[in-house]
Amino acid sequence: MTAPLDIYLDVRRFRGDNSILDPLKPKVKNTRSLIVSGRPRAEEITTAFPDFPRSMPNLRSLEIANGRGPDWDRSVDPFGSSAHSLRCLTLEDVPLYPSFLNLRTLTTLLLNSVKFYLHLDTLLDFLEENHSLQSATLWVSFVEPSLCSSQRQSPIRNRLRHLSISCSHVMEVQALISNIALQRGAHLEIIDCDWDAGLNEILTGISTAHLSNLPSPTSIEYKTHPRRIRLSGPNGRFSFDSSPDATSDLFTEFPLLPLANIREFRFIDHESSNASRLSPMTHHLSFFPNLETLAIMRGTSIPHIFTLLSDPSSLPSLTTLAFLNCDLSEHFMEELTRFAHDRKNTTSAGLHRVGIVDSGGKFPSVASIDALEKNVPVVDIRRGNKLEYQIEGLVREFIYDSDDDDEI
């Protein structure tokens, strides 16, 4: 039995001397995955592997990374046909040739193209006809506006579990979103790399009901820098990541999203300023009528948190407050204790717990913890302890599913 081969080929290493690959050629039929980088030209791949891809009948994964190198000839398909065994396809600045468009067995597709020449409907047909496709990443820029104008009467149906979109213009993102209907439980991700558009610009003219994978989210995560919003619920997920230089305030865009059933709000502030970025929320408490958990993560002091909690009757369903990696001063603890005390005298839900997790921030004194605990149970987690075992049900997903560099 011959072991499968995983080949990584940087064409710059053998360019001009194909003899380097001679020992490999008799074994290429066993290739399981092939990665070609170094700004390859099409003829370099077919020269390195004669009769490609038929010479690799067991190929499961193919990645060709041109990296904005020389333009490939779009008029001649250099591969003729692609291996029917292919499951994963990644093309970076390489045309989506007819040989690839004929594939029907893919599970994962990544297209990264600064010059996308195909018509949108051709791409949509391809996505719809690949019934095994579960993940699609479309980072494309159509070369002409007309190419992203669909003639379809209704959005395509598919089995995608994850769809990631990044385009150079808002209209391209809108064209893709409005023509791809995701199934229940799927994740739609919009990544803004080249423009400072707001979420409201993207969703304008697209009914939130069209996000059929996310009709009633229960959790929201908001990060200030780079700006990010994530919604999740039992029916799916939606995320919007903007460029690091974006200055728009996502709070002003919340009305476009279905927020009536939000139970958990996670706020991450990565700004170095001591001024709180939470203050805009004070004008939009009506967005979260059923909020139960508010988790705040940041590395600096949070003196203005009580612009949000100044009224003990605000957020009537709130039962859990969590402060993760925050610098908690003694004055802050006094204000928090006063809020917890006053809360007991309102008709709102009483606080069930306050979680304080330290990871190098300023940790409050034992006396201040004791004073707070007279009004509400305090989950006191010191650095180095396992959060998942000590705070049952307290924003566990926030800690372990976040892709931030920060660790609690």
Protein backbone atom coordinates (compact mmCIF):
# COMPACT_ATOMS: atom_id res chain seq x y z
CA MET A 1 0.00 0.00 0.00
CA THR A 2 1.42 3.37 -1.02
CA ALA A 3 1.18 6.28 1.39
CA PRO A 4 -0.70 9.36 0.11
CA LEU A 5 1.39 12.40 -0.80
CA ASP A 6 0.87 15.96 0.38
CA ILE A 7 2.87 18.23 -1.94
CA TYR A 8 3.79 21.86 -1.37
CA LEU A 9 5.51 23.37 -4.40
CA ASP A 10 7.03 26.84 -4.60
CA VAL A 11 7.70 27.27 -8.32
CA ARG A 12 10.42 29.83 -7.63
CA ARG A 13 12.58 26.96 -6.36
CA PHE A 14 12.64 25.04 -9.63
CA ARG A 15 11.88 27.76 -12.19
CA GLY A 16 14.22 27.10 -15.12
CA ASP A 17 15.27 23.64 -13.86
CA ASN A 18 12.45 21.10 -14.13
CA SER A 19 14.81 18.19 -13.47
CA ILE A 20 14.47 18.87 -9.75
CA LEU A 21 10.99 17.34 -9.88
CA ASP A 22 11.94 14.19 -11.81
CA PRO A 23 12.12 11.91 -8.72
CA LEU A 24 8.59 12.97 -7.77
CA LYS A 25 6.83 12.39 -11.07
CA PRO A 26 6.46 8.55 -10.84
CA LYS A 27 4.62 8.97 -7.53
CA VAL A 28 2.27 11.85 -8.29
CA LYS A 29 -0.65 9.46 -8.78
CA ASN A 30 -0.69 9.09 -5.00
CA THR A 31 -1.06 12.82 -4.41
CA ARG A 32 -3.75 13.66 -1.85
CA SER A 33 -3.20 17.43 -1.59
CA LEU A 34 -1.30 19.88 -3.77
CA ILE A 35 -0.36 23.47 -2.92
CA VAL A 36 1.34 25.53 -5.62
CA SER A 37 2.70 28.97 -4.69
CA GLY A 38 5.35 31.42 -5.86
CA ARG A 39 3.17 33.22 -8.43
CA PRO A 40 3.01 30.23 -10.77
CA ARG A 41 2.07 30.35 -14.42
CA ALA A 42 -0.34 27.76 -15.76
CA GLU A 43 2.28 26.16 -17.99
CA GLU A 44 4.61 25.72 -15.02
CA ILE A 45 2.03 23.53 -13.27
CA THR A 46 1.33 21.41 -16.34
CA THR A 47 5.06 21.08 -16.99
CA ALA A 48 5.84 20.09 -13.42
CA PHE A 49 2.98 17.54 -13.43
CA PRO A 50 2.34 16.27 -16.99
CA ASP A 51 -1.27 15.41 -17.76
CA PHE A 52 -2.45 17.26 -14.66
CA PRO A 53 -4.97 16.73 -13.13
CA ARG A 54 -5.62 13.28 -14.63
CA SER A 55 -2.19 12.25 -13.36
CA MET A 56 -3.53 12.71 -9.80
CA PRO A 57 -6.69 10.57 -9.63
CA ASN A 58 -6.76 10.65 -5.82
CA LEU A 59 -6.38 14.40 -5.43
CA ARG A 60 -8.61 15.69 -2.63
CA SER A 61 -7.33 19.22 -2.06
CA LEU A 62 -5.90 21.75 -4.52
CA GLU A 63 -4.60 25.23 -3.76
CA ILE A 64 -3.08 27.53 -6.38
CA ALA A 65 -1.81 30.83 -4.98
CA ASN A 66 -0.87 33.28 -7.69
CA GLY A 67 -0.66 36.16 -5.24
CA ARG A 68 -1.40 38.92 -7.77
CA GLY A 69 1.27 37.59 -10.05
CA PRO A 70 1.03 37.54 -13.88
CA ASP A 71 -2.53 37.34 -15.25
CA TRP A 72 -3.54 33.88 -16.40
CA ASP A 73 -5.02 33.41 -19.86
CA ARG A 74 -8.77 33.18 -19.27
CA SER A 75 -9.59 31.99 -22.78
CA VAL A 76 -7.79 28.62 -22.60
CA ASP A 77 -8.45 26.16 -19.80
CA PRO A 78 -4.97 24.77 -19.02
CA PHE A 79 -6.29 21.79 -17.10
CA GLY A 80 -8.86 20.41 -19.52
CA SER A 81 -10.69 18.63 -16.74
CA SER A 82 -10.34 18.56 -12.97
CA ALA A 83 -10.10 15.51 -10.76
CA HIS A 84 -13.59 14.30 -9.79
CA SER A 85 -12.18 13.28 -6.41
CA LEU A 86 -11.47 16.93 -5.50
CA ARG A 87 -13.12 18.07 -2.27
CA CYS A 88 -11.30 21.32 -1.39
CA LEU A 89 -10.40 24.03 -3.91
CA THR A 90 -8.55 27.29 -3.20
CA LEU A 91 -7.80 29.72 -6.02
CA GLU A 92 -5.99 33.01 -5.41
CA ASP A 93 -5.97 35.27 -8.46
CA VAL A 94 -6.53 32.27 -10.69
CA PRO A 95 -9.58 32.14 -13.03
CA LEU A 96 -12.45 29.82 -12.23
CA TYR A 97 -12.05 27.81 -15.42
CA PRO A 98 -14.78 25.59 -16.93
CA SER A 99 -12.91 22.55 -15.63
CA PHE A 100 -13.50 23.84 -12.09
CA LEU A 101 -17.06 24.96 -12.84
CA ASN A 102 -17.88 21.37 -13.78
CA LEU A 103 -16.91 20.05 -10.35
CA ARG A 104 -19.84 18.71 -8.31
CA THR A 105 -18.06 17.06 -5.37
CA LEU A 106 -16.54 20.05 -3.56
CA THR A 107 -17.14 20.57 0.15
CA THR A 108 -14.92 23.65 0.56
CA LEU A 109 -14.32 26.51 -1.87
CA LEU A 110 -12.18 29.64 -1.49
CA LEU A 111 -12.02 32.23 -4.26
CA ASN A 112 -9.71 35.18 -3.73
CA SER A 113 -9.68 37.26 -6.88
CA VAL A 114 -9.03 40.97 -7.37
CA LYS A 115 -10.27 40.63 -10.95
CA PHE A 116 -13.32 38.38 -11.19
CA TYR A 117 -14.42 38.04 -14.81
CA LEU A 118 -17.34 35.62 -14.52
CA HIS A 119 -20.93 36.82 -14.43
CA LEU A 120 -22.61 36.60 -11.05
CA ASP A 121 -25.25 34.17 -12.33
CA THR A 122 -22.53 31.76 -13.47
CA LEU A 123 -21.09 31.79 -9.96
CA LEU A 124 -24.55 31.36 -8.43
CA ASP A 125 -25.32 28.40 -10.68
CA PHE A 126 -22.04 26.81 -9.65
CA LEU A 127 -22.83 27.24 -5.94
CA GLU A 128 -26.36 25.92 -6.35
CA GLU A 129 -25.38 22.83 -8.33
CA ASN A 130 -22.68 21.75 -5.86
CA HIS A 131 -24.94 19.93 -3.43
CA SER A 132 -22.02 18.77 -1.27
CA LEU A 133 -20.59 22.28 -0.81
CA GLN A 134 -20.58 23.23 2.88
CA SER A 135 -18.19 26.19 3.09
CA ALA A 136 -17.67 28.97 0.54
CA THR A 137 -15.33 31.96 0.87
CA LEU A 138 -15.90 34.59 -1.82
CA TRP A 139 -13.34 37.39 -1.69
CA VAL A 140 -13.87 38.77 -5.17
CA SER A 141 -14.02 42.00 -7.11
CA PHE A 142 -16.04 41.97 -10.32
CA VAL A 143 -14.22 43.75 -13.15
CA GLU A 144 -17.44 45.35 -14.46
CA PRO A 145 -20.55 46.47 -12.54
CA SER A 146 -22.76 44.58 -14.99
CA LEU A 147 -21.13 41.29 -13.98
CA CYS A 148 -22.70 41.48 -10.52
CA SER A 149 -26.23 42.18 -11.81
CA SER A 150 -28.17 38.95 -11.48
CA GLN A 151 -31.02 38.02 -13.82
CA ARG A 152 -32.36 35.38 -11.44
CA GLN A 153 -35.88 35.79 -10.09
CA SER A 154 -35.19 34.32 -6.67
CA PRO A 155 -32.14 33.55 -4.49
CA ILE A 156 -30.42 30.22 -4.94
CA ARG A 157 -30.93 27.35 -2.51
CA ASN A 158 -27.87 25.52 -1.23
CA ARG A 159 -26.47 23.49 1.64
CA LEU A 160 -23.80 25.91 2.77
CA ARG A 161 -22.99 25.89 6.47
CA HIS A 162 -20.62 28.86 6.19
CA LEU A 163 -20.51 31.71 3.69
CA SER A 164 -17.79 34.37 3.91
CA ILE A 165 -17.99 37.42 1.65
CA SER A 166 -15.54 40.26 1.05
CA CYS A 167 -15.76 42.59 -1.94
CA SER A 168 -14.40 45.95 -3.03
CA HIS A 169 -17.79 47.64 -3.35
CA VAL A 170 -21.00 47.60 -1.35
CA MET A 171 -23.09 46.71 -4.40
CA GLU A 172 -21.05 43.52 -4.88
CA VAL A 173 -21.71 42.42 -1.31
CA GLN A 174 -25.40 43.23 -1.72
CA ALA A 175 -25.56 41.27 -4.97
CA LEU A 176 -24.15 38.15 -3.31
CA ILE A 177 -26.23 38.39 -0.11
CA SER A 178 -29.50 39.07 -1.89
CA ASN A 179 -29.05 36.11 -4.26
CA ILE A 180 -27.90 33.43 -1.80
CA ALA A 181 -30.45 32.08 0.67
CA LEU A 182 -28.75 30.26 3.53
CA GLN A 183 -30.29 27.35 5.37
CA ARG A 184 -31.17 27.16 9.03
CA GLY A 185 -28.07 26.99 11.23
CA ALA A 186 -25.67 28.51 8.69
CA HIS A 187 -23.16 31.30 9.34
CA LEU A 188 -23.02 34.39 7.12
CA GLU A 189 -19.79 36.38 7.49
CA ILE A 190 -19.15 39.77 5.88
CA ILE A 191 -15.54 40.91 5.98
CA ASP A 192 -14.76 44.50 5.07
CA CYS A 193 -11.16 44.84 3.90
CA ASP A 194 -11.07 47.70 1.41
CA TRP A 195 -13.88 50.09 2.25
CA ASP A 196 -15.34 51.89 5.23
CA ALA A 197 -18.98 51.03 4.65
CA GLY A 198 -21.47 50.73 7.46
CA LEU A 199 -23.68 47.76 8.04
CA ASN A 200 -26.70 49.93 7.26
CA GLU A 201 -25.33 50.61 3.76
CA ILE A 202 -24.98 46.90 3.11
CA LEU A 203 -28.40 45.89 4.39
CA THR A 204 -30.27 48.80 2.79
CA GLY A 205 -32.87 47.31 0.50
CA ILE A 206 -32.28 43.80 1.86
CA SER A 207 -34.95 42.73 4.32
CA THR A 208 -33.56 41.25 7.53
CA ALA A 209 -36.07 38.48 6.96
CA HIS A 210 -33.85 37.47 4.06
CA LEU A 211 -31.29 36.32 6.64
CA SER A 212 -33.31 33.14 6.88
CA ASN A 213 -30.53 31.43 8.79
CA LEU A 214 -30.88 33.92 11.67
CA PRO A 215 -34.50 34.91 12.35
CA SER A 216 -34.19 35.33 16.13
CA PRO A 217 -30.64 35.67 17.52
CA THR A 218 -30.15 35.39 21.28
CA SER A 219 -26.57 36.67 21.64
CA ILE A 220 -24.66 39.68 20.33
CA GLU A 221 -20.96 40.52 20.48
CA TYR A 222 -19.68 44.02 19.73
CA LYS A 223 -16.02 44.94 19.41
CA THR A 224 -14.76 48.49 18.97
CA HIS A 225 -11.44 48.09 17.15
CA PRO A 226 -11.39 46.68 14.60
CA ARG A 227 -15.11 47.19 14.51
CA ARG A 228 -17.07 43.94 14.64
CA ILE A 229 -20.57 42.75 15.30
CA ARG A 230 -21.64 39.13 15.72
CA LEU A 231 -25.12 37.71 16.19
CA SER A 232 -25.78 34.10 17.11
CA GLY A 233 -28.74 31.97 18.01
CA PRO A 234 -30.20 28.48 17.64
CA ASN A 235 -30.96 29.14 13.96
CA GLY A 236 -27.55 30.40 12.82
CA ARG A 237 -24.97 33.18 13.00
CA PHE A 238 -24.25 36.50 11.33
CA SER A 239 -21.02 38.49 11.62
CA PHE A 240 -19.76 41.76 10.19
CA ASP A 241 -16.06 42.67 10.46
CA SER A 242 -15.04 46.11 9.28
CA SER A 243 -11.70 47.64 8.44
CA PRO A 244 -9.44 48.70 11.35
CA ASP A 245 -9.85 52.37 10.39
CA ALA A 246 -13.63 52.34 10.37
CA THR A 247 -15.14 55.13 12.44
CA SER A 248 -18.86 54.46 12.07
CA ASP A 249 -20.83 53.57 15.18
CA LEU A 250 -22.52 50.21 14.90
CA PHE A 251 -24.99 51.14 17.61
CA THR A 252 -26.72 53.43 15.12
CA GLU A 253 -27.13 50.42 12.83
CA PHE A 254 -28.77 48.08 15.32
CA PRO A 255 -32.34 48.93 14.23
CA LEU A 256 -31.67 47.06 10.99
CA LEU A 257 -31.06 43.82 12.89
CA PRO A 258 -33.51 41.47 14.65
CA LEU A 259 -32.64 42.11 18.31
CA ALA A 260 -35.89 41.59 20.22
CA ASN A 261 -34.80 38.20 21.61
CA ILE A 262 -31.22 39.11 22.58
CA ARG A 263 -30.39 37.61 25.98
CA GLU A 264 -26.63 38.15 26.12
CA PHE A 265 -24.52 41.17 25.16
CA ARG A 266 -20.73 40.93 25.02
CA PHE A 267 -18.77 44.16 24.72
CA ILE A 268 -15.06 44.19 23.82
CA ASP A 269 -13.21 47.49 23.85
CA HIS A 270 -9.64 47.34 22.51
CA GLU A 271 -9.07 51.09 22.55
CA SER A 272 -6.36 52.43 24.82
CA SER A 273 -8.33 55.52 25.81
CA ASN A 274 -9.61 55.71 29.37
CA ALA A 275 -12.92 57.09 28.15
CA SER A 276 -15.58 54.42 27.96
CA ARG A 277 -16.95 53.54 24.54
CA LEU A 278 -20.14 52.20 26.09
CA SER A 279 -21.88 55.56 26.36
CA PRO A 280 -23.69 55.32 22.96
CA MET A 281 -25.65 52.38 24.34
CA THR A 282 -27.44 54.64 26.81
CA HIS A 283 -29.56 55.95 23.95
CA HIS A 284 -30.52 52.52 22.68
CA LEU A 285 -31.54 50.42 25.68
CA SER A 286 -34.83 49.73 23.91
CA PHE A 287 -32.90 47.52 21.49
CA PHE A 288 -32.43 44.93 24.26
CA PRO A 289 -35.71 44.61 26.16
CA ASN A 290 -34.94 41.01 27.18
CA LEU A 291 -31.21 41.31 27.97
CA GLU A 292 -30.19 38.99 30.81
CA THR A 293 -26.36 38.97 30.68
CA LEU A 294 -24.02 41.90 30.06
CA ALA A 295 -20.33 40.96 29.73
CA ILE A 296 -17.67 43.62 29.35
CA MET A 297 -14.09 42.86 28.34
CA ARG A 298 -11.40 45.47 28.04
CA GLY A 299 -7.94 46.22 29.35
CA THR A 300 -8.47 49.71 30.73
CA SER A 301 -10.61 51.27 33.45
CA ILE A 302 -14.35 51.57 32.86
CA PRO A 303 -15.40 54.68 34.79
CA HIS A 304 -18.43 55.42 32.61
CA ILE A 305 -20.15 52.05 32.80
CA PHE A 306 -22.87 53.59 34.93
CA THR A 307 -23.96 55.86 32.13
CA LEU A 308 -25.54 52.57 31.08
CA LEU A 309 -26.65 51.44 34.52
CA SER A 310 -27.43 54.81 36.10
CA ASP A 311 -31.09 53.88 36.49
CA PRO A 312 -31.65 50.72 38.59
CA SER A 313 -34.80 49.97 36.59
CA SER A 314 -32.96 49.99 33.24
CA LEU A 315 -32.54 46.67 31.46
CA PRO A 316 -35.38 45.10 33.47
CA SER A 317 -34.42 41.49 32.65
CA LEU A 318 -30.72 41.86 33.53
CA THR A 319 -29.57 39.20 36.02
CA THR A 320 -25.85 38.76 35.32
CA LEU A 321 -23.01 41.26 35.04
CA ALA A 322 -19.51 40.10 34.07
CA PHE A 323 -16.31 42.16 33.98
CA LEU A 324 -13.50 40.36 32.17
CA ASN A 325 -9.94 41.66 32.29
CA CYS A 326 -11.07 45.07 33.48
CA ASP A 327 -9.29 47.51 35.77
CA LEU A 328 -11.80 47.80 38.60
CA SER A 329 -11.10 50.73 40.92
CA GLU A 330 -12.44 51.05 44.45
CA HIS A 331 -14.72 53.87 43.30
CA PHE A 332 -16.11 51.63 40.58
CA MET A 333 -16.83 48.91 43.14
CA GLU A 334 -18.69 51.42 45.30
CA GLU A 335 -20.86 52.42 42.36
CA LEU A 336 -21.48 48.79 41.46
CA THR A 337 -22.47 48.00 45.06
CA ARG A 338 -24.89 50.95 45.08
CA PHE A 339 -26.47 49.76 41.81
CA ALA A 340 -26.88 46.20 43.12
CA HIS A 341 -28.47 47.54 46.33
CA ASP A 342 -30.88 49.85 44.52
CA ARG A 343 -31.80 47.11 42.08
CA LYS A 344 -33.33 45.06 44.86
CA ASN A 345 -35.84 47.83 45.50
CA THR A 346 -37.20 47.93 41.93
CA THR A 347 -39.75 45.82 40.08
CA SER A 348 -37.00 44.72 37.69
CA ALA A 349 -35.37 41.33 37.90
CA GLY A 350 -32.86 41.16 40.72
CA LEU A 351 -29.20 40.56 39.94
CA HIS A 352 -28.34 36.87 40.37
CA ARG A 353 -24.58 37.23 40.11
CA VAL A 354 -21.67 39.51 39.30
CA GLY A 355 -18.61 37.88 37.76
CA ILE A 356 -15.20 39.48 38.05
CA VAL A 357 -12.40 37.82 36.14
CA ASP A 358 -8.88 39.16 36.42
CA SER A 359 -6.08 38.61 33.91
CA GLY A 360 -3.55 41.23 34.81
CA GLY A 361 -5.94 44.13 35.36
CA LYS A 362 -6.43 46.10 38.56
CA PHE A 363 -8.26 43.76 40.92
CA PRO A 364 -10.54 45.16 43.65
CA SER A 365 -9.82 44.70 47.35
CA VAL A 366 -11.33 41.94 49.44
CA ALA A 367 -13.28 44.54 51.41
CA SER A 368 -14.95 45.89 48.28
CA ILE A 369 -15.81 42.37 47.13
CA ASP A 370 -17.37 41.65 50.54
CA ALA A 371 -19.41 44.87 50.40
CA LEU A 372 -20.76 43.97 46.96
CA GLU A 373 -21.53 40.41 48.00
CA LYS A 374 -23.95 41.66 50.65
CA ASN A 375 -26.24 42.67 47.79
CA VAL A 376 -25.50 40.08 45.09
CA PRO A 377 -23.45 36.84 44.85
CA VAL A 378 -19.99 37.56 43.45
CA VAL A 379 -18.07 35.08 41.31
CA ASP A 380 -14.48 35.99 42.19
CA ILE A 381 -12.02 34.45 39.71
CA ARG A 382 -8.33 35.12 40.23
CA ARG A 383 -5.78 34.84 37.47
CA GLY A 384 -4.89 31.30 36.44
CA ASN A 385 -8.12 29.57 37.47
CA LYS A 386 -10.31 27.70 35.05
CA LEU A 387 -13.26 29.90 34.16
CA GLU A 388 -15.28 27.15 32.51
CA TYR A 389 -15.55 25.14 35.73
CA GLN A 390 -16.16 28.02 38.12
CA ILE A 391 -18.76 30.17 36.35
CA GLU A 392 -21.51 27.88 35.22
CA GLY A 393 -23.44 29.41 32.36
CA LEU A 394 -21.60 32.73 32.54
CA VAL A 395 -20.64 33.72 28.98
CA ARG A 396 -18.53 30.59 28.55
CA GLU A 397 -18.88 30.78 24.78
CA PHE A 398 -17.54 34.34 24.89
CA ILE A 399 -14.26 33.13 26.33
CA TYR A 400 -13.63 30.04 24.25
CA ASP A 401 -15.25 30.79 20.89
CA SER A 402 -13.77 34.26 20.42
CA ASP A 403 -10.84 34.51 17.98
CA ASP A 404 -9.28 37.48 19.79
CA ASP A 405 -5.62 37.41 20.71
CA ASP A 406 -6.51 38.27 24.31
CA GLU A 407 -6.86 35.44 26.76
CA ILE A 408 -8.77 35.45 30.00
